Amino acid sequence: MDLVILNGPEIARTLPFKEGVSYLGRSLDNDTRIEDKTASRKHLKLESARGKLFVTDLGSRNGTFCAGKFMIPGNEVEVKEGAPLAIGMTVICFGEGCKEQTVPFLDTVGLIRRKVSNCDCNRC
């Protein structure tokens, strides 16, 4: 099974993912390292066995979202193949077909600028 970065600083990067227990974060001592300053040094514990993947947030500062839902730190959650995981500003996915889901981050956010009538700073 591969891990694909769908969005963030390393968009479209594919990383091999092994069976067993491994760790993901920005520190060099992780099994899977991501270069995202908003990810914790040791962000996730990943456990793969018999075709199932379990993920545990290790008390990360910015949290982890699985399929859009906040993961409670320390609780193990089964992640289905293809479900997106948001880790800081990085979105990852496990399994076949994930690469087709890559989308630049700013394309997923609707930015609205509103001109303030009494401001003359040229930034509003």
PDB file of N, CA and C in Angstrom:
ATOM      1  N   MET A   1       0.850  -1.171   0.000  1.00  0.00           N
ATOM      2  CA  MET A   1       0.000   0.000   0.000  1.00  0.00           C
ATOM      3  C   MET A   1       0.898   1.238   0.000  1.00  0.00           C
ATOM      4  N   ASP A   2       0.510   2.229  -0.786  1.00  0.00           N
ATOM      5  CA  ASP A   2       1.261   3.475  -0.843  1.00  0.00           C
ATOM      6  C   ASP A   2       0.551   4.568  -0.073  1.00  0.00           C
ATOM      7  N   LEU A   3       1.329   5.527   0.382  1.00  0.00           N
ATOM      8  CA  LEU A   3       0.814   6.743   0.983  1.00  0.00           C
ATOM      9  C   LEU A   3       1.030   7.839  -0.053  1.00  0.00           C
ATOM     10  N   VAL A   4      -0.011   8.583  -0.374  1.00  0.00           N
ATOM     11  CA  VAL A   4       0.076   9.654  -1.379  1.00  0.00           C
ATOM     12  C   VAL A   4      -0.246  10.967  -0.698  1.00  0.00           C
ATOM     13  N   ILE A   5       0.577  11.975  -0.949  1.00  0.00           N
ATOM     14  CA  ILE A   5       0.311  13.314  -0.426  1.00  0.00           C
ATOM     15  C   ILE A   5      -0.584  14.020  -1.435  1.00  0.00           C
ATOM     16  N   LEU A   6      -1.827  14.266  -1.022  1.00  0.00           N
ATOM     17  CA  LEU A   6      -2.820  14.866  -1.899  1.00  0.00           C
ATOM     18  C   LEU A   6      -2.694  16.374  -1.976  1.00  0.00           C
ATOM     19  N   ASN A   7      -2.187  16.968  -0.907  1.00  0.00           N
ATOM     20  CA  ASN A   7      -2.134  18.414  -0.831  1.00  0.00           C
ATOM     21  C   ASN A   7      -1.131  18.836   0.226  1.00  0.00           C
ATOM     22  N   GLY A   8      -0.526  19.989   0.039  1.00  0.00           N
ATOM     23  CA  GLY A   8       0.426  20.504   1.007  1.00  0.00           C
ATOM     24  C   GLY A   8       1.771  20.737   0.363  1.00  0.00           C
ATOM     25  N   PRO A   9       2.795  20.964   1.186  1.00  0.00           N
ATOM     26  CA  PRO A   9       4.131  21.298   0.668  1.00  0.00           C
ATOM     27  C   PRO A   9       4.735  20.254  -0.274  1.00  0.00           C
ATOM     28  N   GLU A  10       4.338  18.998  -0.145  1.00  0.00           N
ATOM     29  CA  GLU A  10       4.923  17.938  -0.979  1.00  0.00           C
ATOM     30  C   GLU A  10       3.871  17.266  -1.863  1.00  0.00           C
ATOM     31  N   ILE A  11       2.953  18.051  -2.392  1.00  0.00           N
ATOM     32  CA  ILE A  11       1.830  17.532  -3.175  1.00  0.00           C
ATOM     33  C   ILE A  11       2.287  16.539  -4.248  1.00  0.00           C
ATOM     34  N   ALA A  12       1.560  15.454  -4.391  1.00  0.00           N
ATOM     35  CA  ALA A  12       1.748  14.391  -5.385  1.00  0.00           C
ATOM     36  C   ALA A  12       2.910  13.447  -5.062  1.00  0.00           C
ATOM     37  N   ARG A  13       3.581  13.623  -3.938  1.00  0.00           N
ATOM     38  CA  ARG A  13       4.652  12.706  -3.545  1.00  0.00           C
ATOM     39  C   ARG A  13       4.031  11.383  -3.103  1.00  0.00           C
ATOM     40  N   THR A  14       4.591  10.279  -3.563  1.00  0.00           N
ATOM     41  CA  THR A  14       4.131   8.949  -3.185  1.00  0.00           C
ATOM     42  C   THR A  14       5.220   8.286  -2.350  1.00  0.00           C
ATOM     43  N   LEU A  15       4.809   7.708  -1.215  1.00  0.00           N
ATOM     44  CA  LEU A  15       5.756   7.065  -0.316  1.00  0.00           C
ATOM     45  C   LEU A  15       5.331   5.623  -0.087  1.00  0.00           C
ATOM     46  N   PRO A  16       6.272   4.690  -0.122  1.00  0.00           N
ATOM     47  CA  PRO A  16       5.903   3.303   0.179  1.00  0.00           C
ATOM     48  C   PRO A  16       5.524   3.196   1.652  1.00  0.00           C
ATOM     49  N   PHE A  17       4.552   2.366   1.925  1.00  0.00           N
ATOM     50  CA  PHE A  17       4.083   2.194   3.295  1.00  0.00           C
ATOM     51  C   PHE A  17       4.114   0.718   3.616  1.00  0.00           C
ATOM     52  N   LYS A  18       4.795   0.364   4.704  1.00  0.00           N
ATOM     53  CA  LYS A  18       4.985  -1.049   5.053  1.00  0.00           C
ATOM     54  C   LYS A  18       3.972  -1.534   6.077  1.00  0.00           C
ATOM     55  N   GLU A  19       3.773  -2.820   6.116  1.00  0.00           N
ATOM     56  CA  GLU A  19       2.895  -3.435   7.109  1.00  0.00           C
ATOM     57  C   GLU A  19       3.584  -3.386   8.474  1.00  0.00           C
ATOM     58  N   GLY A  20       2.792  -3.293   9.523  1.00  0.00           N
ATOM     59  CA  GLY A  20       3.314  -3.220  10.883  1.00  0.00           C
ATOM     60  C   GLY A  20       3.097  -1.839  11.465  1.00  0.00           C
ATOM     61  N   VAL A  21       3.866  -1.512  12.489  1.00  0.00           N
ATOM     62  CA  VAL A  21       3.751  -0.220  13.170  1.00  0.00           C
ATOM     63  C   VAL A  21       4.813   0.727  12.634  1.00  0.00           C
ATOM     64  N   SER A  22       4.397   1.952  12.330  1.00  0.00           N
ATOM     65  CA  SER A  22       5.344   2.987  11.921  1.00  0.00           C
ATOM     66  C   SER A  22       4.830   4.334  12.401  1.00  0.00           C
ATOM     67  N   TYR A  23       5.689   5.328  12.285  1.00  0.00           N
ATOM     68  CA  TYR A  23       5.360   6.667  12.765  1.00  0.00           C
ATOM     69  C   TYR A  23       5.531   7.674  11.645  1.00  0.00           C
ATOM     70  N   LEU A  24       4.673   8.704  11.671  1.00  0.00           N
ATOM     71  CA  LEU A  24       4.685   9.741  10.653  1.00  0.00           C
ATOM     72  C   LEU A  24       4.762  11.098  11.341  1.00  0.00           C
ATOM     73  N   GLY A  25       5.597  11.981  10.804  1.00  0.00           N
ATOM     74  CA  GLY A  25       5.746  13.337  11.327  1.00  0.00           C
ATOM     75  C   GLY A  25       6.874  14.043  10.607  1.00  0.00           C
ATOM     76  N   ARG A  26       7.241  15.215  11.091  1.00  0.00           N
ATOM     77  CA  ARG A  26       8.278  15.983  10.402  1.00  0.00           C
ATOM     78  C   ARG A  26       9.701  15.707  10.902  1.00  0.00           C
ATOM     79  N   SER A  27       9.834  14.970  12.014  1.00  0.00           N
ATOM     80  CA  SER A  27      11.146  14.651  12.559  1.00  0.00           C
ATOM     81  C   SER A  27      11.854  13.588  11.707  1.00  0.00           C
ATOM     82  N   LEU A  28      13.172  13.650  11.694  1.00  0.00           N
ATOM     83  CA  LEU A  28      13.972  12.689  10.921  1.00  0.00           C
ATOM     84  C   LEU A  28      13.863  11.261  11.454  1.00  0.00           C
ATOM     85  N   ASP A  29      13.484  11.083  12.718  1.00  0.00           N
ATOM     86  CA  ASP A  29      13.439   9.730  13.284  1.00  0.00           C
ATOM     87  C   ASP A  29      12.118   8.998  13.035  1.00  0.00           C
ATOM     88  N   ASN A  30      11.236   9.554  12.199  1.00  0.00           N
ATOM     89  CA  ASN A  30       9.995   8.874  11.819  1.00  0.00           C
ATOM     90  C   ASN A  30      10.255   7.895  10.680  1.00  0.00           C
ATOM     91  N   ASP A  31       9.418   6.870  10.585  1.00  0.00           N
ATOM     92  CA  ASP A  31       9.491   5.939   9.460  1.00  0.00           C
ATOM     93  C   ASP A  31       9.052   6.640   8.175  1.00  0.00           C
ATOM     94  N   THR A  32       8.049   7.515   8.288  1.00  0.00           N
ATOM     95  CA  THR A  32       7.560   8.306   7.158  1.00  0.00           C
ATOM     96  C   THR A  32       7.651   9.764   7.558  1.00  0.00           C
ATOM     97  N   ARG A  33       8.479  10.514   6.840  1.00  0.00           N
ATOM     98  CA  ARG A  33       8.715  11.915   7.173  1.00  0.00           C
ATOM     99  C   ARG A  33       8.007  12.812   6.164  1.00  0.00           C
ATOM    100  N   ILE A  34       7.290  13.813   6.675  1.00  0.00           N
ATOM    101  CA  ILE A  34       6.693  14.815   5.808  1.00  0.00           C
ATOM    102  C   ILE A  34       7.274  16.172   6.179  1.00  0.00           C
ATOM    103  N   GLU A  35       7.501  16.986   5.178  1.00  0.00           N
ATOM    104  CA  GLU A  35       8.086  18.309   5.400  1.00  0.00           C
ATOM    105  C   GLU A  35       6.984  19.353   5.426  1.00  0.00           C
ATOM    106  N   ASP A  36       6.350  19.446   6.571  1.00  0.00           N
ATOM    107  CA  ASP A  36       5.265  20.405   6.782  1.00  0.00           C
ATOM    108  C   ASP A  36       5.460  20.978   8.176  1.00  0.00           C
ATOM    109  N   LYS A  37       5.744  22.269   8.261  1.00  0.00           N
ATOM    110  CA  LYS A  37       6.015  22.907   9.552  1.00  0.00           C
ATOM    111  C   LYS A  37       4.805  22.893  10.476  1.00  0.00           C
ATOM    112  N   THR A  38       3.602  22.656   9.944  1.00  0.00           N
ATOM    113  CA  THR A  38       2.403  22.614  10.777  1.00  0.00           C
ATOM    114  C   THR A  38       2.118  21.206  11.305  1.00  0.00           C
ATOM    115  N   ALA A  39       2.904  20.225  10.869  1.00  0.00           N
ATOM    116  CA  ALA A  39       2.791  18.858  11.397  1.00  0.00           C
ATOM    117  C   ALA A  39       3.718  18.748  12.610  1.00  0.00           C
ATOM    118  N   SER A  40       3.338  17.930  13.564  1.00  0.00           N
ATOM    119  CA  SER A  40       4.171  17.720  14.746  1.00  0.00           C
ATOM    120  C   SER A  40       5.359  16.826  14.406  1.00  0.00           C
ATOM    121  N   ARG A  41       6.376  16.887  15.268  1.00  0.00           N
ATOM    122  CA  ARG A  41       7.567  16.069  15.030  1.00  0.00           C
ATOM    123  C   ARG A  41       7.190  14.586  14.990  1.00  0.00           C
ATOM    124  N   LYS A  42       6.400  14.128  15.930  1.00  0.00           N
ATOM    125  CA  LYS A  42       5.837  12.757  15.933  1.00  0.00           C
ATOM    126  C   LYS A  42       4.327  12.952  15.928  1.00  0.00           C
ATOM    127  N   HIS A  43       3.728  12.929  14.770  1.00  0.00           N
ATOM    128  CA  HIS A  43       2.326  13.295  14.613  1.00  0.00           C
ATOM    129  C   HIS A  43       1.387  12.091  14.742  1.00  0.00           C
ATOM    130  N   LEU A  44       1.689  11.003  14.025  1.00  0.00           N
ATOM    131  CA  LEU A  44       0.789   9.847  13.967  1.00  0.00           C
ATOM    132  C   LEU A  44       1.515   8.538  14.196  1.00  0.00           C
ATOM    133  N   LYS A  45       0.794   7.612  14.795  1.00  0.00           N
ATOM    134  CA  LYS A  45       1.212   6.207  14.828  1.00  0.00           C
ATOM    135  C   LYS A  45       0.327   5.504  13.805  1.00  0.00           C
ATOM    136  N   LEU A  46       0.940   4.754  12.910  1.00  0.00           N
ATOM    137  CA  LEU A  46       0.225   4.018  11.868  1.00  0.00           C
ATOM    138  C   LEU A  46       0.442   2.532  12.108  1.00  0.00           C
ATOM    139  N   GLU A  47      -0.629   1.764  12.037  1.00  0.00           N
ATOM    140  CA  GLU A  47      -0.500   0.319  12.193  1.00  0.00           C
ATOM    141  C   GLU A  47      -1.298  -0.370  11.099  1.00  0.00           C
ATOM    142  N   SER A  48      -0.586  -1.137  10.293  1.00  0.00           N
ATOM    143  CA  SER A  48      -1.210  -1.852   9.186  1.00  0.00           C
ATOM    144  C   SER A  48      -1.070  -3.353   9.435  1.00  0.00           C
ATOM    145  N   ALA A  49      -2.220  -4.041   9.354  1.00  0.00           N
ATOM    146  CA  ALA A  49      -2.212  -5.489   9.551  1.00  0.00           C
ATOM    147  C   ALA A  49      -3.403  -6.105   8.825  1.00  0.00           C
ATOM    148  N   ARG A  50      -3.140  -7.168   8.094  1.00  0.00           N
ATOM    149  CA  ARG A  50      -4.183  -7.923   7.391  1.00  0.00           C
ATOM    150  C   ARG A  50      -5.098  -7.042   6.545  1.00  0.00           C
ATOM    151  N   GLY A  51      -4.509  -6.087   5.847  1.00  0.00           N
ATOM    152  CA  GLY A  51      -5.278  -5.240   4.943  1.00  0.00           C
ATOM    153  C   GLY A  51      -6.035  -4.100   5.604  1.00  0.00           C
ATOM    154  N   LYS A  52      -5.868  -3.919   6.908  1.00  0.00           N
ATOM    155  CA  LYS A  52      -6.531  -2.816   7.608  1.00  0.00           C
ATOM    156  C   LYS A  52      -5.479  -1.828   8.102  1.00  0.00           C
ATOM    157  N   LEU A  53      -5.878  -0.551   8.175  1.00  0.00           N
ATOM    158  CA  LEU A  53      -4.977   0.501   8.635  1.00  0.00           C
ATOM    159  C   LEU A  53      -5.609   1.202   9.828  1.00  0.00           C
ATOM    160  N   PHE A  54      -4.839   1.310  10.910  1.00  0.00           N
ATOM    161  CA  PHE A  54      -5.276   2.011  12.111  1.00  0.00           C
ATOM    162  C   PHE A  54      -4.330   3.176  12.365  1.00  0.00           C
ATOM    163  N   VAL A  55      -4.907   4.332  12.723  1.00  0.00           N
ATOM    164  CA  VAL A  55      -4.137   5.555  12.912  1.00  0.00           C
ATOM    165  C   VAL A  55      -4.442   6.116  14.296  1.00  0.00           C
ATOM    166  N   THR A  56      -3.387   6.586  14.979  1.00  0.00           N
ATOM    167  CA  THR A  56      -3.537   7.224  16.287  1.00  0.00           C
ATOM    168  C   THR A  56      -2.810   8.557  16.263  1.00  0.00           C
ATOM    169  N   ASP A  57      -3.530   9.644  16.576  1.00  0.00           N
ATOM    170  CA  ASP A  57      -2.887  10.949  16.725  1.00  0.00           C
ATOM    171  C   ASP A  57      -2.135  10.929  18.049  1.00  0.00           C
ATOM    172  N   LEU A  58      -0.870  11.342  18.022  1.00  0.00           N
ATOM    173  CA  LEU A  58      -0.011  11.257  19.203  1.00  0.00           C
ATOM    174  C   LEU A  58       0.004  12.557  20.010  1.00  0.00           C
ATOM    175  N   GLY A  59      -1.128  13.256  20.034  1.00  0.00           N
ATOM    176  CA  GLY A  59      -1.201  14.511  20.781  1.00  0.00           C
ATOM    177  C   GLY A  59      -0.599  15.669  20.011  1.00  0.00           C
ATOM    178  N   SER A  60      -0.747  15.637  18.703  1.00  0.00           N
ATOM    179  CA  SER A  60      -0.164  16.675  17.846  1.00  0.00           C
ATOM    180  C   SER A  60      -0.754  18.045  18.159  1.00  0.00           C
ATOM    181  N   ARG A  61       0.023  19.083  17.906  1.00  0.00           N
ATOM    182  CA  ARG A  61      -0.397  20.449  18.208  1.00  0.00           C
ATOM    183  C   ARG A  61      -1.589  20.888  17.349  1.00  0.00           C
ATOM    184  N   ASN A  62      -1.569  20.595  16.054  1.00  0.00           N
ATOM    185  CA  ASN A  62      -2.627  21.049  15.154  1.00  0.00           C
ATOM    186  C   ASN A  62      -3.679  19.979  14.857  1.00  0.00           C
ATOM    187  N   GLY A  63      -3.546  18.827  15.462  1.00  0.00           N
ATOM    188  CA  GLY A  63      -4.551  17.788  15.313  1.00  0.00           C
ATOM    189  C   GLY A  63      -4.504  17.049  13.990  1.00  0.00           C
ATOM    190  N   THR A  64      -5.397  16.074  13.878  1.00  0.00           N
ATOM    191  CA  THR A  64      -5.538  15.257  12.677  1.00  0.00           C
ATOM    192  C   THR A  64      -7.026  15.127  12.380  1.00  0.00           C
ATOM    193  N   PHE A  65      -7.372  15.198  11.104  1.00  0.00           N
ATOM    194  CA  PHE A  65      -8.748  15.031  10.665  1.00  0.00           C
ATOM    195  C   PHE A  65      -8.802  13.840   9.717  1.00  0.00           C
ATOM    196  N   CYS A  66      -9.722  12.926   9.974  1.00  0.00           N
ATOM    197  CA  CYS A  66      -9.905  11.752   9.139  1.00  0.00           C
ATOM    198  C   CYS A  66     -11.258  11.878   8.454  1.00  0.00           C
ATOM    199  N   ALA A  67     -11.253  11.947   7.133  1.00  0.00           N
ATOM    200  CA  ALA A  67     -12.483  12.111   6.350  1.00  0.00           C
ATOM    201  C   ALA A  67     -13.301  13.298   6.869  1.00  0.00           C
ATOM    202  N   GLY A  68     -12.601  14.372   7.258  1.00  0.00           N
ATOM    203  CA  GLY A  68     -13.251  15.599   7.705  1.00  0.00           C
ATOM    204  C   GLY A  68     -13.625  15.638   9.174  1.00  0.00           C
ATOM    205  N   LYS A  69     -13.375  14.571   9.924  1.00  0.00           N
ATOM    206  CA  LYS A  69     -13.734  14.531  11.343  1.00  0.00           C
ATOM    207  C   LYS A  69     -12.480  14.586  12.207  1.00  0.00           C
ATOM    208  N   PHE A  70     -12.533  15.411  13.258  1.00  0.00           N
ATOM    209  CA  PHE A  70     -11.408  15.561  14.180  1.00  0.00           C
ATOM    210  C   PHE A  70     -11.154  14.256  14.917  1.00  0.00           C
ATOM    211  N   MET A  71      -9.893  13.836  14.953  1.00  0.00           N
ATOM    212  CA  MET A  71      -9.508  12.635  15.692  1.00  0.00           C
ATOM    213  C   MET A  71      -9.101  13.028  17.107  1.00  0.00           C
ATOM    214  N   ILE A  72      -9.647  12.352  18.089  1.00  0.00           N
ATOM    215  CA  ILE A  72      -9.269  12.604  19.477  1.00  0.00           C
ATOM    216  C   ILE A  72      -7.885  12.005  19.704  1.00  0.00           C
ATOM    217  N   PRO A  73      -6.905  12.812  20.178  1.00  0.00           N
ATOM    218  CA  PRO A  73      -5.557  12.295  20.416  1.00  0.00           C
ATOM    219  C   PRO A  73      -5.573  11.076  21.327  1.00  0.00           C
ATOM    220  N   GLY A  74      -4.789  10.080  20.955  1.00  0.00           N
ATOM    221  CA  GLY A  74      -4.683   8.848  21.728  1.00  0.00           C
ATOM    222  C   GLY A  74      -5.694   7.773  21.355  1.00  0.00           C
ATOM    223  N   ASN A  75      -6.753   8.141  20.623  1.00  0.00           N
ATOM    224  CA  ASN A  75      -7.752   7.154  20.193  1.00  0.00           C
ATOM    225  C   ASN A  75      -7.352   6.559  18.847  1.00  0.00           C
ATOM    226  N   GLU A  76      -7.347   5.245  18.765  1.00  0.00           N
ATOM    227  CA  GLU A  76      -7.034   4.558  17.520  1.00  0.00           C
ATOM    228  C   GLU A  76      -8.273   4.534  16.628  1.00  0.00           C
ATOM    229  N   VAL A  77      -8.088   4.884  15.351  1.00  0.00           N
ATOM    230  CA  VAL A  77      -9.192   4.944  14.388  1.00  0.00           C
ATOM    231  C   VAL A  77      -8.817   4.109  13.168  1.00  0.00           C
ATOM    232  N   GLU A  78      -9.753   3.280  12.697  1.00  0.00           N
ATOM    233  CA  GLU A  78      -9.512   2.547  11.458  1.00  0.00           C
ATOM    234  C   GLU A  78      -9.737   3.498  10.287  1.00  0.00           C
ATOM    235  N   VAL A  79      -8.789   3.525   9.371  1.00  0.00           N
ATOM    236  CA  VAL A  79      -8.874   4.391   8.199  1.00  0.00           C
ATOM    237  C   VAL A  79      -9.092   3.507   6.979  1.00  0.00           C
ATOM    238  N   LYS A  80     -10.161   3.782   6.270  1.00  0.00           N
ATOM    239  CA  LYS A  80     -10.469   3.032   5.049  1.00  0.00           C
ATOM    240  C   LYS A  80      -9.577   3.515   3.914  1.00  0.00           C
ATOM    241  N   GLU A  81      -9.242   2.608   3.014  1.00  0.00           N
ATOM    242  CA  GLU A  81      -8.434   2.954   1.847  1.00  0.00           C
ATOM    243  C   GLU A  81      -9.113   4.080   1.075  1.00  0.00           C
ATOM    244  N   GLY A  82      -8.346   5.119   0.749  1.00  0.00           N
ATOM    245  CA  GLY A  82      -8.864   6.249  -0.009  1.00  0.00           C
ATOM    246  C   GLY A  82      -9.396   7.393   0.831  1.00  0.00           C
ATOM    247  N   ALA A  83      -9.560   7.193   2.148  1.00  0.00           N
ATOM    248  CA  ALA A  83     -10.058   8.272   3.018  1.00  0.00           C
ATOM    249  C   ALA A  83      -8.944   9.293   3.249  1.00  0.00           C
ATOM    250  N   PRO A  84      -9.233  10.579   3.093  1.00  0.00           N
ATOM    251  CA  PRO A  84      -8.193  11.596   3.304  1.00  0.00           C
ATOM    252  C   PRO A  84      -7.927  11.844   4.785  1.00  0.00           C
ATOM    253  N   LEU A  85      -6.652  12.047   5.116  1.00  0.00           N
ATOM    254  CA  LEU A  85      -6.224  12.420   6.462  1.00  0.00           C
ATOM    255  C   LEU A  85      -5.554  13.782   6.364  1.00  0.00           C
ATOM    256  N   ALA A  86      -6.014  14.756   7.146  1.00  0.00           N
ATOM    257  CA  ALA A  86      -5.401  16.084   7.175  1.00  0.00           C
ATOM    258  C   ALA A  86      -4.498  16.170   8.387  1.00  0.00           C
ATOM    259  N   ILE A  87      -3.227  16.484   8.106  1.00  0.00           N
ATOM    260  CA  ILE A  87      -2.195  16.584   9.133  1.00  0.00           C
ATOM    261  C   ILE A  87      -1.550  17.949   8.946  1.00  0.00           C
ATOM    262  N   GLY A  88      -1.877  18.909   9.773  1.00  0.00           N
ATOM    263  CA  GLY A  88      -1.399  20.269   9.548  1.00  0.00           C
ATOM    264  C   GLY A  88      -1.956  20.772   8.229  1.00  0.00           C
ATOM    265  N   MET A  89      -1.100  21.241   7.346  1.00  0.00           N
ATOM    266  CA  MET A  89      -1.509  21.713   6.018  1.00  0.00           C
ATOM    267  C   MET A  89      -1.373  20.622   4.960  1.00  0.00           C
ATOM    268  N   THR A  90      -1.051  19.413   5.373  1.00  0.00           N
ATOM    269  CA  THR A  90      -0.864  18.296   4.454  1.00  0.00           C
ATOM    270  C   THR A  90      -2.061  17.359   4.507  1.00  0.00           C
ATOM    271  N   VAL A  91      -2.518  16.934   3.331  1.00  0.00           N
ATOM    272  CA  VAL A  91      -3.585  15.940   3.242  1.00  0.00           C
ATOM    273  C   VAL A  91      -2.985  14.708   2.590  1.00  0.00           C
ATOM    274  N   ILE A  92      -3.143  13.548   3.257  1.00  0.00           N
ATOM    275  CA  ILE A  92      -2.595  12.296   2.739  1.00  0.00           C
ATOM    276  C   ILE A  92      -3.722  11.299   2.523  1.00  0.00           C
ATOM    277  N   CYS A  93      -3.392  10.248   1.780  1.00  0.00           N
ATOM    278  CA  CYS A  93      -4.343   9.197   1.470  1.00  0.00           C
ATOM    279  C   CYS A  93      -3.557   7.897   1.329  1.00  0.00           C
ATOM    280  N   PHE A  94      -4.164   6.785   1.711  1.00  0.00           N
ATOM    281  CA  PHE A  94      -3.531   5.476   1.589  1.00  0.00           C
ATOM    282  C   PHE A  94      -4.259   4.648   0.545  1.00  0.00           C
ATOM    283  N   GLY A  95      -3.507   3.998  -0.329  1.00  0.00           N
ATOM    284  CA  GLY A  95      -4.097   3.029  -1.237  1.00  0.00           C
ATOM    285  C   GLY A  95      -4.086   3.416  -2.693  1.00  0.00           C
ATOM    286  N   GLU A  96      -4.603   2.489  -3.495  1.00  0.00           N
ATOM    287  CA  GLU A  96      -4.679   2.661  -4.939  1.00  0.00           C
ATOM    288  C   GLU A  96      -5.654   3.780  -5.298  1.00  0.00           C
ATOM    289  N   GLY A  97      -5.364   4.500  -6.356  1.00  0.00           N
ATOM    290  CA  GLY A  97      -6.274   5.518  -6.844  1.00  0.00           C
ATOM    291  C   GLY A  97      -6.191   6.852  -6.137  1.00  0.00           C
ATOM    292  N   CYS A  98      -5.380   6.967  -5.098  1.00  0.00           N
ATOM    293  CA  CYS A  98      -5.294   8.233  -4.366  1.00  0.00           C
ATOM    294  C   CYS A  98      -4.652   9.341  -5.188  1.00  0.00           C
ATOM    295  N   LYS A  99      -3.725   8.989  -6.036  1.00  0.00           N
ATOM    296  CA  LYS A  99      -2.980   9.990  -6.800  1.00  0.00           C
ATOM    297  C   LYS A  99      -3.912  10.861  -7.648  1.00  0.00           C
ATOM    298  N   GLU A 100      -5.014  10.302  -8.117  1.00  0.00           N
ATOM    299  CA  GLU A 100      -5.958  11.059  -8.937  1.00  0.00           C
ATOM    300  C   GLU A 100      -6.691  12.122  -8.136  1.00  0.00           C
ATOM    301  N   GLN A 101      -6.606  12.065  -6.801  1.00  0.00           N
ATOM    302  CA  GLN A 101      -7.308  13.008  -5.943  1.00  0.00           C
ATOM    303  C   GLN A 101      -6.493  14.256  -5.613  1.00  0.00           C
ATOM    304  N   THR A 102      -5.247  14.363  -6.084  1.00  0.00           N
ATOM    305  CA  THR A 102      -4.420  15.507  -5.715  1.00  0.00           C
ATOM    306  C   THR A 102      -5.016  16.813  -6.233  1.00  0.00           C
ATOM    307  N   VAL A 103      -5.096  17.798  -5.339  1.00  0.00           N
ATOM    308  CA  VAL A 103      -5.666  19.108  -5.667  1.00  0.00           C
ATOM    309  C   VAL A 103      -4.833  20.163  -4.954  1.00  0.00           C
ATOM    310  N   PRO A 104      -4.371  21.195  -5.665  1.00  0.00           N
ATOM    311  CA  PRO A 104      -3.643  22.266  -4.987  1.00  0.00           C
ATOM    312  C   PRO A 104      -4.515  22.885  -3.893  1.00  0.00           C
ATOM    313  N   PHE A 105      -3.915  23.180  -2.740  1.00  0.00           N
ATOM    314  CA  PHE A 105      -4.641  23.653  -1.570  1.00  0.00           C
ATOM    315  C   PHE A 105      -5.500  24.875  -1.858  1.00  0.00           C
ATOM    316  N   LEU A 106      -4.978  25.863  -2.535  1.00  0.00           N
ATOM    317  CA  LEU A 106      -5.745  27.072  -2.778  1.00  0.00           C
ATOM    318  C   LEU A 106      -6.954  26.833  -3.673  1.00  0.00           C
ATOM    319  N   ASP A 107      -6.964  25.763  -4.438  1.00  0.00           N
ATOM    320  CA  ASP A 107      -8.141  25.427  -5.234  1.00  0.00           C
ATOM    321  C   ASP A 107      -9.273  24.887  -4.363  1.00  0.00           C
ATOM    322  N   THR A 108      -8.961  24.485  -3.128  1.00  0.00           N
ATOM    323  CA  THR A 108      -9.980  23.936  -2.246  1.00  0.00           C
ATOM    324  C   THR A 108     -10.570  24.976  -1.306  1.00  0.00           C
ATOM    325  N   VAL A 109     -10.021  26.163  -1.340  1.00  0.00           N
ATOM    326  CA  VAL A 109     -10.451  27.212  -0.420  1.00  0.00           C
ATOM    327  C   VAL A 109     -11.028  28.371  -1.211  1.00  0.00           C
ATOM    328  N   GLY A 110     -12.208  28.807  -0.871  1.00  0.00           N
ATOM    329  CA  GLY A 110     -12.788  29.984  -1.519  1.00  0.00           C
ATOM    330  C   GLY A 110     -12.324  31.225  -0.780  1.00  0.00           C
ATOM    331  N   LEU A 111     -11.500  32.019  -1.424  1.00  0.00           N
ATOM    332  CA  LEU A 111     -10.993  33.235  -0.799  1.00  0.00           C
ATOM    333  C   LEU A 111     -11.860  34.410  -1.209  1.00  0.00           C
ATOM    334  N   ILE A 112     -12.314  35.162  -0.234  1.00  0.00           N
ATOM    335  CA  ILE A 112     -13.160  36.319  -0.499  1.00  0.00           C
ATOM    336  C   ILE A 112     -12.486  37.549   0.086  1.00  0.00           C
ATOM    337  N   ARG A 113     -12.299  38.542  -0.735  1.00  0.00           N
ATOM    338  CA  ARG A 113     -11.745  39.808  -0.260  1.00  0.00           C
ATOM    339  C   ARG A 113     -12.859  40.837  -0.255  1.00  0.00           C
ATOM    340  N   ARG A 114     -12.942  41.556   0.809  1.00  0.00           N
ATOM    341  CA  ARG A 114     -13.980  42.568   0.918  1.00  0.00           C
ATOM    342  C   ARG A 114     -13.324  43.920   1.120  1.00  0.00           C
ATOM    343  N   LYS A 115     -13.672  44.852   0.275  1.00  0.00           N
ATOM    344  CA  LYS A 115     -13.142  46.208   0.359  1.00  0.00           C
ATOM    345  C   LYS A 115     -13.824  46.929   1.513  1.00  0.00           C
ATOM    346  N   VAL A 116     -13.052  47.448   2.411  1.00  0.00           N
ATOM    347  CA  VAL A 116     -13.594  48.197   3.531  1.00  0.00           C
ATOM    348  C   VAL A 116     -13.680  49.656   3.091  1.00  0.00           C
ATOM    349  N   SER A 117     -14.871  50.218   3.170  1.00  0.00           N
ATOM    350  CA  SER A 117     -15.119  51.538   2.597  1.00  0.00           C
ATOM    351  C   SER A 117     -14.296  52.650   3.232  1.00  0.00           C
ATOM    352  N   ASN A 118     -13.988  52.539   4.518  1.00  0.00           N
ATOM    353  CA  ASN A 118     -13.256  53.629   5.156  1.00  0.00           C
ATOM    354  C   ASN A 118     -11.765  53.333   5.325  1.00  0.00           C
ATOM    355  N   CYS A 119     -11.243  52.381   4.610  1.00  0.00           N
ATOM    356  CA  CYS A 119      -9.819  52.030   4.711  1.00  0.00           C
ATOM    357  C   CYS A 119      -9.092  52.467   3.452  1.00  0.00           C
ATOM    358  N   ASP A 120      -7.946  53.101   3.608  1.00  0.00           N
ATOM    359  CA  ASP A 120      -7.181  53.518   2.454  1.00  0.00           C
ATOM    360  C   ASP A 120      -5.776  52.918   2.464  1.00  0.00           C
ATOM    361  N   CYS A 121      -5.651  51.695   3.041  1.00  0.00           N
ATOM    362  CA  CYS A 121      -4.324  51.064   3.125  1.00  0.00           C
ATOM    363  C   CYS A 121      -3.933  50.316   1.859  1.00  0.00           C
ATOM    364  N   ASN A 122      -4.842  50.183   0.891  1.00  0.00           N
ATOM    365  CA  ASN A 122      -4.625  49.462  -0.356  1.00  0.00           C
ATOM    366  C   ASN A 122      -4.387  47.968  -0.167  1.00  0.00           C
ATOM    367  N   ARG A 123      -4.667  47.455   1.024  1.00  0.00           N
ATOM    368  CA  ARG A 123      -4.562  46.023   1.254  1.00  0.00           C
ATOM    369  C   ARG A 123      -5.918  45.406   1.541  1.00  0.00           C
ATOM    370  N   CYS A 124      -6.907  46.185   1.825  1.00  0.00           N
ATOM    371  CA  CYS A 124      -8.236  45.669   2.155  1.00  0.00           C
ATOM    372  C   CYS A 124      -9.061  45.462   0.916  1.00  0.00           C
TER     373      CYS A 124
END
